[in-house]
N, C-alpha and C. Protein backbone atom coordinates (compact mmCIF):
# COMPACT_ATOMS: atom_id res chain seq x y z
N UNK A 1 -27.84 -22.46 -32.76
CA UNK A 1 -27.01 -21.12 -32.11
C UNK A 1 -25.71 -22.02 -31.86
N UNK A 2 -24.66 -20.98 -31.31
CA UNK A 2 -23.03 -21.79 -30.70
C UNK A 2 -23.12 -21.82 -29.43
N UNK A 3 -22.54 -22.79 -29.33
CA UNK A 3 -22.30 -22.98 -27.87
C UNK A 3 -21.63 -22.50 -27.00
N UNK A 4 -21.81 -21.98 -25.98
CA UNK A 4 -20.80 -21.11 -25.04
C UNK A 4 -19.86 -21.69 -24.22
N UNK A 5 -18.29 -21.32 -24.52
CA UNK A 5 -17.72 -21.78 -23.44
C UNK A 5 -17.51 -21.59 -21.92
N UNK A 6 -17.99 -22.75 -20.96
CA UNK A 6 -17.81 -21.74 -19.40
C UNK A 6 -16.86 -22.35 -18.72
N UNK A 7 -16.51 -22.20 -17.78
CA UNK A 7 -15.41 -22.08 -16.59
C UNK A 7 -14.03 -21.69 -17.25
N UNK A 8 -13.11 -21.87 -16.29
CA UNK A 8 -12.06 -21.24 -16.27
C UNK A 8 -10.96 -21.62 -17.45
N UNK A 9 -10.38 -20.69 -17.02
CA UNK A 9 -9.25 -20.95 -18.55
C UNK A 9 -7.72 -21.81 -17.68
N UNK A 10 -7.40 -22.69 -19.16
CA UNK A 10 -6.40 -23.45 -18.49
C UNK A 10 -4.99 -22.88 -18.24
N UNK A 11 -4.42 -24.06 -17.38
CA UNK A 11 -2.98 -23.22 -16.90
C UNK A 11 -3.25 -23.25 -15.50
N UNK A 12 -1.88 -22.62 -14.99
CA UNK A 12 -1.68 -22.03 -13.88
C UNK A 12 -2.01 -20.66 -13.73
N UNK A 13 -1.03 -20.13 -14.23
CA UNK A 13 -1.47 -18.42 -14.17
C UNK A 13 -2.48 -18.09 -15.77
N UNK A 14 -3.45 -17.54 -15.22
CA UNK A 14 -4.63 -16.53 -16.28
C UNK A 14 -3.90 -15.42 -17.08
N UNK A 15 -4.40 -15.25 -18.41
CA UNK A 15 -4.34 -13.86 -18.91
C UNK A 15 -4.28 -12.59 -18.54
N UNK A 16 -5.46 -12.48 -17.78
CA UNK A 16 -5.86 -11.52 -17.19
C UNK A 16 -4.77 -10.91 -15.99
N UNK A 17 -4.75 -12.46 -14.76
CA UNK A 17 -3.74 -12.09 -13.83
C UNK A 17 -2.03 -11.93 -14.32
N UNK A 18 -1.76 -12.28 -15.11
CA UNK A 18 -0.48 -11.79 -15.99
C UNK A 18 -0.26 -10.40 -16.27
N UNK A 19 -1.49 -10.01 -16.88
CA UNK A 19 -1.68 -8.33 -16.96
C UNK A 19 -1.63 -7.38 -15.91
N UNK A 20 -2.37 -7.49 -14.58
CA UNK A 20 -2.05 -7.21 -13.64
C UNK A 20 -1.01 -7.51 -12.96
N UNK A 21 -0.28 -8.18 -13.24
CA UNK A 21 1.12 -8.35 -12.37
C UNK A 21 1.95 -7.93 -12.90
N UNK A 22 1.91 -7.89 -14.47
CA UNK A 22 2.91 -7.11 -14.96
C UNK A 22 2.65 -5.27 -14.95
N UNK A 23 1.11 -5.21 -14.81
CA UNK A 23 0.97 -3.64 -14.73
C UNK A 23 1.31 -3.39 -12.73
N UNK A 24 1.25 -4.37 -12.28
CA UNK A 24 1.99 -3.61 -10.61
C UNK A 24 3.50 -3.53 -10.76
N UNK A 25 3.95 -4.50 -11.60
CA UNK A 25 6.02 -4.28 -11.95
C UNK A 25 6.12 -3.09 -12.51
N UNK A 26 5.25 -2.59 -13.14
CA UNK A 26 5.72 -1.14 -13.88
C UNK A 26 5.06 -0.20 -12.80
N UNK A 27 4.17 -0.31 -12.01
CA UNK A 27 3.76 0.38 -10.97
C UNK A 27 5.12 0.50 -10.39
N UNK A 28 5.52 -0.40 -9.57
CA UNK A 28 6.99 -0.35 -8.42
C UNK A 28 7.91 0.35 -9.48
N UNK A 29 7.78 0.53 -10.78
CA UNK A 29 9.20 1.65 -11.34
C UNK A 29 8.74 2.77 -11.39
N UNK A 30 7.75 3.21 -11.52
CA UNK A 30 6.94 4.60 -12.33
C UNK A 30 7.31 5.44 -10.77
N UNK A 31 6.34 4.54 -9.86
CA UNK A 31 6.16 5.38 -8.50
C UNK A 31 6.77 6.53 -8.55
N UNK A 32 8.33 5.72 -8.21
CA UNK A 32 9.32 6.61 -7.71
C UNK A 32 9.82 7.40 -8.25
N UNK A 33 10.09 6.79 -9.62
CA UNK A 33 10.29 7.83 -10.89
C UNK A 33 9.93 9.30 -10.66
N UNK A 34 8.30 9.16 -10.93
CA UNK A 34 7.84 10.47 -11.03
C UNK A 34 7.20 11.06 -9.65
N UNK A 35 7.73 10.24 -8.69
CA UNK A 35 7.31 11.22 -7.29
C UNK A 35 8.51 12.29 -7.04
N UNK A 36 10.04 11.89 -7.92
CA UNK A 36 10.44 13.04 -7.74
C UNK A 36 9.99 14.65 -8.40
N UNK A 37 8.91 14.37 -9.52
CA UNK A 37 8.34 15.40 -10.69
C UNK A 37 7.14 15.58 -10.15
N UNK A 38 6.45 15.16 -9.86
CA UNK A 38 5.22 15.62 -9.46
C UNK A 38 4.39 15.18 -7.96
N UNK A 39 5.02 14.57 -7.09
CA UNK A 39 4.98 14.01 -5.36
C UNK A 39 4.31 13.07 -6.05
N UNK A 40 3.91 12.96 -4.81
CA UNK A 40 3.00 11.19 -4.48
C UNK A 40 2.06 11.54 -3.30
N UNK A 41 0.78 10.60 -3.37
CA UNK A 41 -0.28 10.59 -2.59
C UNK A 41 -0.89 12.39 -2.39
N UNK A 42 -1.22 12.90 -3.17
CA UNK A 42 -1.78 13.85 -3.71
C UNK A 42 -2.55 13.69 -4.58
N UNK A 43 -3.78 14.67 -4.43
CA UNK A 43 -4.51 15.48 -5.60
C UNK A 43 -3.97 15.89 -7.00
N UNK A 44 -2.60 16.27 -6.87
CA UNK A 44 -2.42 17.08 -8.43
C UNK A 44 -1.83 15.77 -8.90
N UNK A 45 -0.81 14.94 -7.69
CA UNK A 45 -0.38 13.54 -8.49
C UNK A 45 -0.89 12.83 -9.18
N UNK A 46 -1.92 12.14 -8.65
CA UNK A 46 -3.46 11.35 -8.98
C UNK A 46 -3.75 11.69 -10.43
N UNK A 47 -4.06 13.37 -10.08
CA UNK A 47 -4.57 13.65 -11.98
C UNK A 47 -3.52 13.57 -12.84
N UNK A 48 -2.48 14.07 -12.21
CA UNK A 48 -1.31 14.01 -13.41
C UNK A 48 -1.35 12.47 -14.01
N UNK A 49 -1.04 11.32 -12.93
CA UNK A 49 -0.94 10.25 -13.11
C UNK A 49 -2.06 9.47 -14.21
N UNK A 50 -3.05 10.12 -13.43
CA UNK A 50 -4.63 9.44 -14.61
C UNK A 50 -4.68 10.33 -16.21
N UNK A 51 -3.82 11.24 -16.37
CA UNK A 51 -3.73 12.11 -17.84
C UNK A 51 -2.47 11.04 -18.26
N UNK A 52 -1.44 10.87 -17.88
CA UNK A 52 -0.73 9.65 -18.08
C UNK A 52 -1.32 8.59 -18.77
N UNK A 53 -2.06 7.87 -17.71
CA UNK A 53 -2.63 7.11 -18.29
C UNK A 53 -3.48 6.58 -19.56
N UNK A 54 -4.09 7.93 -19.59
CA UNK A 54 -4.93 8.10 -21.04
C UNK A 54 -4.18 8.10 -21.84
N UNK A 55 -3.15 8.84 -21.93
CA UNK A 55 -2.55 9.92 -23.19
C UNK A 55 -1.46 8.58 -23.42
N UNK A 56 -1.05 8.22 -22.73
CA UNK A 56 0.26 7.04 -23.13
C UNK A 56 -0.24 6.61 -24.40
N UNK A 57 -1.25 5.74 -25.02
CA UNK A 57 -1.91 4.75 -25.78
C UNK A 57 -1.52 5.97 -27.04
N UNK A 58 -2.11 6.96 -27.23
CA UNK A 58 -1.36 7.46 -28.33
C UNK A 58 -0.29 8.07 -28.72
N UNK A 59 1.12 7.56 -27.63
CA UNK A 59 2.22 7.89 -28.23
C UNK A 59 2.58 6.88 -28.23
N UNK A 60 2.43 5.85 -27.54
CA UNK A 60 3.53 4.51 -27.40
C UNK A 60 2.30 3.48 -28.50
N UNK A 61 1.22 3.02 -27.64
CA UNK A 61 0.77 1.93 -28.37
C UNK A 61 0.84 0.59 -28.13
N UNK A 62 0.17 -0.39 -28.80
CA UNK A 62 0.43 -1.67 -28.17
C UNK A 62 0.52 -2.49 -26.74
N UNK A 63 1.03 -3.21 -26.17
CA UNK A 63 0.67 -4.13 -25.09
C UNK A 63 1.65 -3.40 -24.14
N UNK A 64 2.86 -2.48 -24.41
CA UNK A 64 3.35 -2.35 -23.46
C UNK A 64 2.84 -0.57 -23.07
N UNK A 65 2.40 0.20 -23.97
CA UNK A 65 1.06 1.11 -23.38
C UNK A 65 -0.14 0.66 -22.49
N UNK A 66 -0.19 -0.31 -22.71
CA UNK A 66 -1.71 -0.76 -21.77
C UNK A 66 -1.24 -0.81 -20.75
N UNK A 67 -0.11 -2.00 -20.13
CA UNK A 67 0.53 -1.81 -18.82
C UNK A 67 0.68 -0.67 -18.55
N UNK A 68 1.39 0.54 -18.92
CA UNK A 68 1.97 1.56 -18.37
C UNK A 68 0.25 2.31 -18.13
N UNK A 69 -0.74 2.24 -18.54
CA UNK A 69 -1.61 2.43 -18.71
C UNK A 69 -2.50 2.53 -17.17
N UNK A 70 -2.41 0.93 -17.70
CA UNK A 70 -3.43 0.07 -16.30
C UNK A 70 -2.51 0.62 -15.05
N UNK A 71 -0.90 0.88 -14.87
CA UNK A 71 -0.19 1.30 -13.56
C UNK A 71 -0.51 2.84 -13.33
N UNK A 72 -0.40 3.71 -14.50
CA UNK A 72 -0.68 4.91 -13.90
C UNK A 72 -2.15 5.25 -13.48
N UNK A 73 -3.20 4.08 -13.81
CA UNK A 73 -4.67 4.97 -13.44
C UNK A 73 -4.67 4.39 -12.36
N UNK A 74 -4.19 2.61 -12.17
CA UNK A 74 -4.00 2.29 -10.73
C UNK A 74 -3.58 3.31 -9.65
N UNK A 75 -2.25 3.98 -9.81
CA UNK A 75 -1.58 4.12 -8.83
C UNK A 75 -2.10 5.86 -9.00
N UNK A 76 -2.53 6.26 -9.99
CA UNK A 76 -3.23 7.80 -9.99
C UNK A 76 -4.32 7.53 -9.19
N UNK A 77 -5.45 6.42 -8.85
CA UNK A 77 -6.66 6.72 -8.03
C UNK A 77 -5.61 6.20 -6.70
N UNK A 78 -5.05 5.43 -6.41
CA UNK A 78 -4.19 5.50 -5.05
C UNK A 78 -4.06 6.85 -4.44
N UNK A 79 -3.15 7.41 -5.25
CA UNK A 79 -2.94 8.95 -4.74
C UNK A 79 -4.20 10.18 -4.64
N UNK A 80 -4.91 9.54 -5.49
CA UNK A 80 -6.27 10.89 -4.77
C UNK A 80 -6.77 10.03 -4.06
N UNK A 81 -7.07 9.06 -4.14
CA UNK A 81 -7.46 8.08 -2.31
C UNK A 81 -7.35 8.96 -1.39
N UNK A 82 -5.87 8.63 -1.15
CA UNK A 82 -5.14 9.00 -0.18
C UNK A 82 -4.81 10.77 -0.33
N UNK A 83 -5.14 11.60 -0.74
CA UNK A 83 -4.95 12.70 -1.05
C UNK A 83 -6.16 13.30 -0.62
N UNK A 84 -7.60 12.52 -0.59
CA UNK A 84 -8.46 13.05 -0.02
C UNK A 84 -8.85 12.63 1.62
N UNK A 85 -8.06 11.56 1.93
CA UNK A 85 -8.18 10.96 2.99
C UNK A 85 -7.19 11.73 4.13
N UNK A 86 -6.09 12.40 3.38
CA UNK A 86 -4.82 12.76 4.17
C UNK A 86 -4.93 14.63 3.95
N UNK A 87 -6.11 15.14 3.63
CA UNK A 87 -6.60 16.47 3.21
C UNK A 87 -6.20 17.09 2.20
N UNK A 88 -6.20 16.69 0.91
CA UNK A 88 -6.51 17.50 -0.36
C UNK A 88 -5.46 17.36 -1.06
N UNK A 89 -4.70 18.37 -1.49
CA UNK A 89 -3.46 18.69 -2.76
C UNK A 89 -2.23 18.46 -1.53
N UNK A 90 -1.94 18.64 -0.74
CA UNK A 90 -0.75 18.43 -0.18
C UNK A 90 -0.55 17.11 0.62
N UNK A 91 0.25 16.51 0.55
CA UNK A 91 0.69 15.11 1.76
C UNK A 91 1.97 15.75 2.41
N UNK A 92 2.22 15.59 3.52
CA UNK A 92 3.52 15.59 4.42
C UNK A 92 4.67 14.58 3.42
N UNK A 93 5.69 15.46 3.86
CA UNK A 93 7.08 14.14 4.02
C UNK A 93 7.20 13.56 2.66
N UNK A 94 6.89 14.22 1.43
CA UNK A 94 7.60 13.87 0.26
C UNK A 94 7.85 15.25 0.14
N UNK A 95 8.95 14.76 -1.30
CA UNK A 95 9.50 15.79 -1.83
C UNK A 95 9.07 15.79 -3.53
N UNK A 96 8.69 16.98 -4.11
CA UNK A 96 8.24 16.99 -5.20
C UNK A 96 7.29 18.61 -5.77
N UNK A 97 6.74 18.29 -6.62
CA UNK A 97 6.21 19.60 -7.12
C UNK A 97 4.52 19.33 -6.17
N UNK A 98 4.27 20.65 -5.77
CA UNK A 98 2.81 20.63 -5.14
C UNK A 98 2.87 19.89 -3.56
N UNK A 99 3.72 19.09 -2.94
CA UNK A 99 4.14 19.17 -2.24
C UNK A 99 4.58 20.18 -0.84
N UNK A 100 4.16 19.60 0.76
CA UNK A 100 5.04 20.18 1.58
C UNK A 100 6.51 19.24 2.23
N UNK A 101 7.41 19.93 2.62
CA UNK A 101 8.53 18.91 2.83
C UNK A 101 8.49 18.86 4.29
């Protein structure tokens, strides 16, 4: 039976943390870009962003798609949670599709 490695990865920043950091950077660029077209912080924008997250790997692939997918899924889930707490399909003060200005 092979001996199993235990413990943390050596180095200052692990690979998983780097993935989350890059996904956060991607999210900071894609969120305001998409807010003009699909809105932000509502159920519709959350559903669209989750759809983009799952569909991006079919069109792009590779590590770029991994980071975009992670950013879109996180942002979409965040929008759905905000939409549920703020009252559903429309969020006040946002511009874009499906929102009240």
